[in-house]
Each structure stands twice: as C-alpha cells, then as structure tokens.
ModelCIF file with pLDDT and N, C-alpha, C, O atoms, coordinates in Angstrom:
data_MODEL
#
_entry.id   MODEL 
#
_entity.id                         1 
_entity.type                       polymer 
_entity.pdbx_number_of_molecules   1 
#
_entity_poly.entity_id                      1 
_entity_poly.type                           'polypeptide(L)' 
_entity_poly.nstd_linkage                   no 
_entity_poly.nstd_monomer                   no 
_entity_poly.pdbx_seq_one_letter_code       
;(UNK)(UNK)(UNK)(UNK)(UNK)(UNK)(UNK)(UNK)(UNK)(UNK)(UNK)(UNK)(UNK)(UNK)(UNK)(UNK)
(UNK)(UNK)(UNK)(UNK)(UNK)(UNK)(UNK)(UNK)(UNK)(UNK)(UNK)(UNK)
;
_entity_poly.pdbx_seq_one_letter_code_can   XXXXXXXXXXXXXXXXXXXXXXXXXXXX 
_entity_poly.pdbx_strand_id                 A 
#
loop_
_entity_poly_seq.entity_id 
_entity_poly_seq.num 
_entity_poly_seq.mon_id 
_entity_poly_seq.hetero 
1 1  UNK n 
1 2  UNK n 
1 3  UNK n 
1 4  UNK n 
1 5  UNK n 
1 6  UNK n 
1 7  UNK n 
1 8  UNK n 
1 9  UNK n 
1 10 UNK n 
1 11 UNK n 
1 12 UNK n 
1 13 UNK n 
1 14 UNK n 
1 15 UNK n 
1 16 UNK n 
1 17 UNK n 
1 18 UNK n 
1 19 UNK n 
1 20 UNK n 
1 21 UNK n 
1 22 UNK n 
1 23 UNK n 
1 24 UNK n 
1 25 UNK n 
1 26 UNK n 
1 27 UNK n 
1 28 UNK n 
#
_struct_asym.id          A 
_struct_asym.entity_id   1 
#
loop_
_ma_qa_metric.id 
_ma_qa_metric.mode 
_ma_qa_metric.name 
_ma_qa_metric.software_group_id 
_ma_qa_metric.type 
1 global pLDDT . pLDDT 
2 local  pLDDT . pLDDT 
#
_ma_qa_metric_global.metric_id      1 
_ma_qa_metric_global.metric_value   76.79 
_ma_qa_metric_global.model_id       1 
_ma_qa_metric_global.ordinal_id     1 
#
loop_
_ma_qa_metric_local.label_asym_id 
_ma_qa_metric_local.label_comp_id 
_ma_qa_metric_local.label_seq_id 
_ma_qa_metric_local.metric_id 
_ma_qa_metric_local.metric_value 
_ma_qa_metric_local.model_id 
_ma_qa_metric_local.ordinal_id 
A UNK 1  2 87.00 1 1  
A UNK 2  2 86.00 1 2  
A UNK 3  2 83.00 1 3  
A UNK 4  2 85.00 1 4  
A UNK 5  2 86.00 1 5  
A UNK 6  2 83.00 1 6  
A UNK 7  2 80.00 1 7  
A UNK 8  2 82.00 1 8  
A UNK 9  2 80.00 1 9  
A UNK 10 2 74.00 1 10 
A UNK 11 2 73.00 1 11 
A UNK 12 2 76.00 1 12 
A UNK 13 2 71.00 1 13 
A UNK 14 2 63.00 1 14 
A UNK 15 2 64.00 1 15 
A UNK 16 2 67.00 1 16 
A UNK 17 2 65.00 1 17 
A UNK 18 2 68.00 1 18 
A UNK 19 2 73.00 1 19 
A UNK 20 2 70.00 1 20 
A UNK 21 2 75.00 1 21 
A UNK 22 2 81.00 1 22 
A UNK 23 2 78.00 1 23 
A UNK 24 2 76.00 1 24 
A UNK 25 2 82.00 1 25 
A UNK 26 2 83.00 1 26 
A UNK 27 2 79.00 1 27 
A UNK 28 2 80.00 1 28 
#
loop_
_atom_site.group_PDB 
_atom_site.id 
_atom_site.type_symbol 
_atom_site.label_atom_id 
_atom_site.label_alt_id 
_atom_site.label_comp_id 
_atom_site.label_asym_id 
_atom_site.label_entity_id 
_atom_site.label_seq_id 
_atom_site.pdbx_PDB_ins_code 
_atom_site.Cartn_x 
_atom_site.Cartn_y 
_atom_site.Cartn_z 
_atom_site.occupancy 
_atom_site.B_iso_or_equiv 
_atom_site.pdbx_formal_charge 
_atom_site.auth_seq_id 
_atom_site.auth_comp_id 
_atom_site.auth_asym_id 
_atom_site.auth_atom_id 
_atom_site.pdbx_PDB_model_num 
ATOM 1   N N  . UNK A 1 1  ? 85.740 4.689  -47.427 1.00 87.00 ? 1  UNK A N  1 
ATOM 2   C CA . UNK A 1 1  ? 85.104 5.532  -46.405 1.00 87.00 ? 1  UNK A CA 1 
ATOM 3   C C  . UNK A 1 1  ? 83.645 5.141  -46.202 1.00 87.00 ? 1  UNK A C  1 
ATOM 4   O O  . UNK A 1 1  ? 83.138 5.203  -45.082 1.00 87.00 ? 1  UNK A O  1 
ATOM 5   N N  . UNK A 1 2  ? 82.962 4.736  -47.282 1.00 86.00 ? 2  UNK A N  1 
ATOM 6   C CA . UNK A 1 2  ? 81.549 4.404  -47.169 1.00 86.00 ? 2  UNK A CA 1 
ATOM 7   C C  . UNK A 1 2  ? 81.316 3.161  -46.304 1.00 86.00 ? 2  UNK A C  1 
ATOM 8   O O  . UNK A 1 2  ? 80.235 3.005  -45.735 1.00 86.00 ? 2  UNK A O  1 
ATOM 9   N N  . UNK A 1 3  ? 82.301 2.286  -46.200 1.00 83.00 ? 3  UNK A N  1 
ATOM 10  C CA . UNK A 1 3  ? 82.183 1.160  -45.275 1.00 83.00 ? 3  UNK A CA 1 
ATOM 11  C C  . UNK A 1 3  ? 82.108 1.661  -43.837 1.00 83.00 ? 3  UNK A C  1 
ATOM 12  O O  . UNK A 1 3  ? 81.355 1.120  -43.027 1.00 83.00 ? 3  UNK A O  1 
ATOM 13  N N  . UNK A 1 4  ? 82.898 2.708  -43.515 1.00 85.00 ? 4  UNK A N  1 
ATOM 14  C CA . UNK A 1 4  ? 82.870 3.326  -42.188 1.00 85.00 ? 4  UNK A CA 1 
ATOM 15  C C  . UNK A 1 4  ? 81.520 3.970  -41.909 1.00 85.00 ? 4  UNK A C  1 
ATOM 16  O O  . UNK A 1 4  ? 80.969 3.842  -40.816 1.00 85.00 ? 4  UNK A O  1 
ATOM 17  N N  . UNK A 1 5  ? 80.996 4.665  -42.917 1.00 86.00 ? 5  UNK A N  1 
ATOM 18  C CA . UNK A 1 5  ? 79.691 5.318  -42.747 1.00 86.00 ? 5  UNK A CA 1 
ATOM 19  C C  . UNK A 1 5  ? 78.610 4.281  -42.456 1.00 86.00 ? 5  UNK A C  1 
ATOM 20  O O  . UNK A 1 5  ? 77.772 4.472  -41.575 1.00 86.00 ? 5  UNK A O  1 
ATOM 21  N N  . UNK A 1 6  ? 78.641 3.178  -43.212 1.00 83.00 ? 6  UNK A N  1 
ATOM 22  C CA . UNK A 1 6  ? 77.659 2.122  -42.995 1.00 83.00 ? 6  UNK A CA 1 
ATOM 23  C C  . UNK A 1 6  ? 77.748 1.511  -41.607 1.00 83.00 ? 6  UNK A C  1 
ATOM 24  O O  . UNK A 1 6  ? 76.728 1.263  -40.965 1.00 83.00 ? 6  UNK A O  1 
ATOM 25  N N  . UNK A 1 7  ? 78.978 1.266  -41.140 1.00 80.00 ? 7  UNK A N  1 
ATOM 26  C CA . UNK A 1 7  ? 79.154 0.708  -39.794 1.00 80.00 ? 7  UNK A CA 1 
ATOM 27  C C  . UNK A 1 7  ? 78.644 1.664  -38.727 1.00 80.00 ? 7  UNK A C  1 
ATOM 28  O O  . UNK A 1 7  ? 78.031 1.242  -37.746 1.00 80.00 ? 7  UNK A O  1 
ATOM 29  N N  . UNK A 1 8  ? 78.901 2.964  -38.925 1.00 82.00 ? 8  UNK A N  1 
ATOM 30  C CA . UNK A 1 8  ? 78.403 3.956  -37.973 1.00 82.00 ? 8  UNK A CA 1 
ATOM 31  C C  . UNK A 1 8  ? 76.887 3.972  -37.917 1.00 82.00 ? 8  UNK A C  1 
ATOM 32  O O  . UNK A 1 8  ? 76.305 4.057  -36.836 1.00 82.00 ? 8  UNK A O  1 
ATOM 33  N N  . UNK A 1 9  ? 76.242 3.889  -39.076 1.00 80.00 ? 9  UNK A N  1 
ATOM 34  C CA . UNK A 1 9  ? 74.779 3.832  -39.116 1.00 80.00 ? 9  UNK A CA 1 
ATOM 35  C C  . UNK A 1 9  ? 74.276 2.564  -38.430 1.00 80.00 ? 9  UNK A C  1 
ATOM 36  O O  . UNK A 1 9  ? 73.257 2.583  -37.739 1.00 80.00 ? 9  UNK A O  1 
ATOM 37  N N  . UNK A 1 10 ? 75.006 1.458  -38.629 1.00 74.00 ? 10 UNK A N  1 
ATOM 38  C CA . UNK A 1 10 ? 74.621 0.193  -37.992 1.00 74.00 ? 10 UNK A CA 1 
ATOM 39  C C  . UNK A 1 10 ? 74.628 0.288  -36.476 1.00 74.00 ? 10 UNK A C  1 
ATOM 40  O O  . UNK A 1 10 ? 73.746 -0.252 -35.808 1.00 74.00 ? 10 UNK A O  1 
ATOM 41  N N  . UNK A 1 11 ? 75.632 0.980  -35.935 1.00 73.00 ? 11 UNK A N  1 
ATOM 42  C CA . UNK A 1 11 ? 75.706 1.162  -34.477 1.00 73.00 ? 11 UNK A CA 1 
ATOM 43  C C  . UNK A 1 11 ? 74.544 2.024  -33.994 1.00 73.00 ? 11 UNK A C  1 
ATOM 44  O O  . UNK A 1 11 ? 73.940 1.744  -32.959 1.00 73.00 ? 11 UNK A O  1 
ATOM 45  N N  . UNK A 1 12 ? 74.235 3.080  -34.759 1.00 76.00 ? 12 UNK A N  1 
ATOM 46  C CA . UNK A 1 12 ? 73.130 3.968  -34.384 1.00 76.00 ? 12 UNK A CA 1 
ATOM 47  C C  . UNK A 1 12 ? 71.783 3.251  -34.434 1.00 76.00 ? 12 UNK A C  1 
ATOM 48  O O  . UNK A 1 12 ? 70.860 3.595  -33.696 1.00 76.00 ? 12 UNK A O  1 
ATOM 49  N N  . UNK A 1 13 ? 71.680 2.248  -35.314 1.00 71.00 ? 13 UNK A N  1 
ATOM 50  C CA . UNK A 1 13 ? 70.424 1.509  -35.459 1.00 71.00 ? 13 UNK A CA 1 
ATOM 51  C C  . UNK A 1 13 ? 70.310 0.335  -34.486 1.00 71.00 ? 13 UNK A C  1 
ATOM 52  O O  . UNK A 1 13 ? 69.353 -0.438 -34.538 1.00 71.00 ? 13 UNK A O  1 
ATOM 53  N N  . UNK A 1 14 ? 71.302 0.214  -33.595 1.00 63.00 ? 14 UNK A N  1 
ATOM 54  C CA . UNK A 1 14 ? 71.333 -0.938 -32.679 1.00 63.00 ? 14 UNK A CA 1 
ATOM 55  C C  . UNK A 1 14 ? 70.053 -1.041 -31.849 1.00 63.00 ? 14 UNK A C  1 
ATOM 56  O O  . UNK A 1 14 ? 69.638 -2.140 -31.481 1.00 63.00 ? 14 UNK A O  1 
ATOM 57  N N  . UNK A 1 15 ? 69.433 0.092  -31.557 1.00 64.00 ? 15 UNK A N  1 
ATOM 58  C CA . UNK A 1 15 ? 68.217 0.068  -30.739 1.00 64.00 ? 15 UNK A CA 1 
ATOM 59  C C  . UNK A 1 15 ? 66.958 -0.239 -31.521 1.00 64.00 ? 15 UNK A C  1 
ATOM 60  O O  . UNK A 1 15 ? 65.906 -0.482 -30.931 1.00 64.00 ? 15 UNK A O  1 
ATOM 61  N N  . UNK A 1 16 ? 67.052 -0.232 -32.859 1.00 67.00 ? 16 UNK A N  1 
ATOM 62  C CA . UNK A 1 16 ? 65.869 -0.495 -33.693 1.00 67.00 ? 16 UNK A CA 1 
ATOM 63  C C  . UNK A 1 16 ? 65.904 -1.929 -34.225 1.00 67.00 ? 16 UNK A C  1 
ATOM 64  O O  . UNK A 1 16 ? 65.944 -2.157 -35.434 1.00 67.00 ? 16 UNK A O  1 
ATOM 65  N N  . UNK A 1 17 ? 65.889 -2.868 -33.315 1.00 65.00 ? 17 UNK A N  1 
ATOM 66  C CA . UNK A 1 17 ? 66.078 -4.267 -33.683 1.00 65.00 ? 17 UNK A CA 1 
ATOM 67  C C  . UNK A 1 17 ? 64.976 -4.789 -34.608 1.00 65.00 ? 17 UNK A C  1 
ATOM 68  O O  . UNK A 1 17 ? 65.216 -5.695 -35.406 1.00 65.00 ? 17 UNK A O  1 
ATOM 69  N N  . UNK A 1 18 ? 63.777 -4.228 -34.505 1.00 68.00 ? 18 UNK A N  1 
ATOM 70  C CA . UNK A 1 18 ? 62.667 -4.688 -35.347 1.00 68.00 ? 18 UNK A CA 1 
ATOM 71  C C  . UNK A 1 18 ? 62.859 -4.303 -36.813 1.00 68.00 ? 18 UNK A C  1 
ATOM 72  O O  . UNK A 1 18 ? 62.246 -4.902 -37.696 1.00 68.00 ? 18 UNK A O  1 
ATOM 73  N N  . UNK A 1 19 ? 63.710 -3.304 -37.076 1.00 73.00 ? 19 UNK A N  1 
ATOM 74  C CA . UNK A 1 19 ? 63.864 -2.806 -38.449 1.00 73.00 ? 19 UNK A CA 1 
ATOM 75  C C  . UNK A 1 19 ? 65.247 -3.089 -39.034 1.00 73.00 ? 19 UNK A C  1 
ATOM 76  O O  . UNK A 1 19 ? 65.479 -2.837 -40.216 1.00 73.00 ? 19 UNK A O  1 
ATOM 77  N N  . UNK A 1 20 ? 66.156 -3.605 -38.229 1.00 70.00 ? 20 UNK A N  1 
ATOM 78  C CA . UNK A 1 20 ? 67.526 -3.791 -38.693 1.00 70.00 ? 20 UNK A CA 1 
ATOM 79  C C  . UNK A 1 20 ? 67.603 -4.693 -39.927 1.00 70.00 ? 20 UNK A C  1 
ATOM 80  O O  . UNK A 1 20 ? 68.198 -4.321 -40.938 1.00 70.00 ? 20 UNK A O  1 
ATOM 81  N N  . UNK A 1 21 ? 66.997 -5.880 -39.834 1.00 75.00 ? 21 UNK A N  1 
ATOM 82  C CA . UNK A 1 21 ? 67.082 -6.842 -40.923 1.00 75.00 ? 21 UNK A CA 1 
ATOM 83  C C  . UNK A 1 21 ? 66.446 -6.307 -42.198 1.00 75.00 ? 21 UNK A C  1 
ATOM 84  O O  . UNK A 1 21 ? 66.970 -6.513 -43.293 1.00 75.00 ? 21 UNK A O  1 
ATOM 85  N N  . UNK A 1 22 ? 65.313 -5.619 -42.055 1.00 81.00 ? 22 UNK A N  1 
ATOM 86  C CA . UNK A 1 22 ? 64.609 -5.085 -43.220 1.00 81.00 ? 22 UNK A CA 1 
ATOM 87  C C  . UNK A 1 22 ? 65.454 -4.027 -43.928 1.00 81.00 ? 22 UNK A C  1 
ATOM 88  O O  . UNK A 1 22 ? 65.541 -4.015 -45.155 1.00 81.00 ? 22 UNK A O  1 
ATOM 89  N N  . UNK A 1 23 ? 66.078 -3.135 -43.144 1.00 78.00 ? 23 UNK A N  1 
ATOM 90  C CA . UNK A 1 23 ? 66.903 -2.070 -43.727 1.00 78.00 ? 23 UNK A CA 1 
ATOM 91  C C  . UNK A 1 23 ? 68.062 -2.659 -44.519 1.00 78.00 ? 23 UNK A C  1 
ATOM 92  O O  . UNK A 1 23 ? 68.314 -2.252 -45.653 1.00 78.00 ? 23 UNK A O  1 
ATOM 93  N N  . UNK A 1 24 ? 68.768 -3.619 -43.920 1.00 76.00 ? 24 UNK A N  1 
ATOM 94  C CA . UNK A 1 24 ? 69.899 -4.251 -44.595 1.00 76.00 ? 24 UNK A CA 1 
ATOM 95  C C  . UNK A 1 24 ? 69.418 -5.030 -45.815 1.00 76.00 ? 24 UNK A C  1 
ATOM 96  O O  . UNK A 1 24 ? 70.052 -4.976 -46.868 1.00 76.00 ? 24 UNK A O  1 
ATOM 97  N N  . UNK A 1 25 ? 68.293 -5.762 -45.688 1.00 82.00 ? 25 UNK A N  1 
ATOM 98  C CA . UNK A 1 25 ? 67.773 -6.572 -46.786 1.00 82.00 ? 25 UNK A CA 1 
ATOM 99  C C  . UNK A 1 25 ? 67.385 -5.709 -47.985 1.00 82.00 ? 25 UNK A C  1 
ATOM 100 O O  . UNK A 1 25 ? 67.677 -6.061 -49.127 1.00 82.00 ? 25 UNK A O  1 
ATOM 101 N N  . UNK A 1 26 ? 66.722 -4.572 -47.722 1.00 83.00 ? 26 UNK A N  1 
ATOM 102 C CA . UNK A 1 26 ? 66.340 -3.662 -48.809 1.00 83.00 ? 26 UNK A CA 1 
ATOM 103 C C  . UNK A 1 26 ? 67.592 -3.134 -49.515 1.00 83.00 ? 26 UNK A C  1 
ATOM 104 O O  . UNK A 1 26 ? 67.658 -3.115 -50.744 1.00 83.00 ? 26 UNK A O  1 
ATOM 105 N N  . UNK A 1 27 ? 68.572 -2.711 -48.736 1.00 79.00 ? 27 UNK A N  1 
ATOM 106 C CA . UNK A 1 27 ? 69.804 -2.175 -49.315 1.00 79.00 ? 27 UNK A CA 1 
ATOM 107 C C  . UNK A 1 27 ? 70.557 -3.192 -50.145 1.00 79.00 ? 27 UNK A C  1 
ATOM 108 O O  . UNK A 1 27 ? 71.026 -2.880 -51.240 1.00 79.00 ? 27 UNK A O  1 
ATOM 109 N N  . UNK A 1 28 ? 70.675 -4.412 -49.632 1.00 80.00 ? 28 UNK A N  1 
ATOM 110 C CA . UNK A 1 28 ? 71.391 -5.455 -50.364 1.00 80.00 ? 28 UNK A CA 1 
ATOM 111 C C  . UNK A 1 28 ? 70.608 -5.907 -51.598 1.00 80.00 ? 28 UNK A C  1 
ATOM 112 O O  . UNK A 1 28 ? 71.065 -6.783 -52.332 1.00 80.00 ? 28 UNK A O  1 
#
C-alpha cells in the first residue's frame, strides 16, 4: 500500500519541479 501512497504524493508534487529531485534524494 505504501508504494501507492508514494506514487500519489509524486503526482501531487508534479508542479514542484524545483524540489522533486531533492525530496526523493533525501528519502532514498
């Protein structure tokens, strides 16, 4: 289920292109 939650957050963050890579990089 958490994979679904992450994908949903990714779609919501689609407009924040300047922060997308940083958010994923910090999490990973």
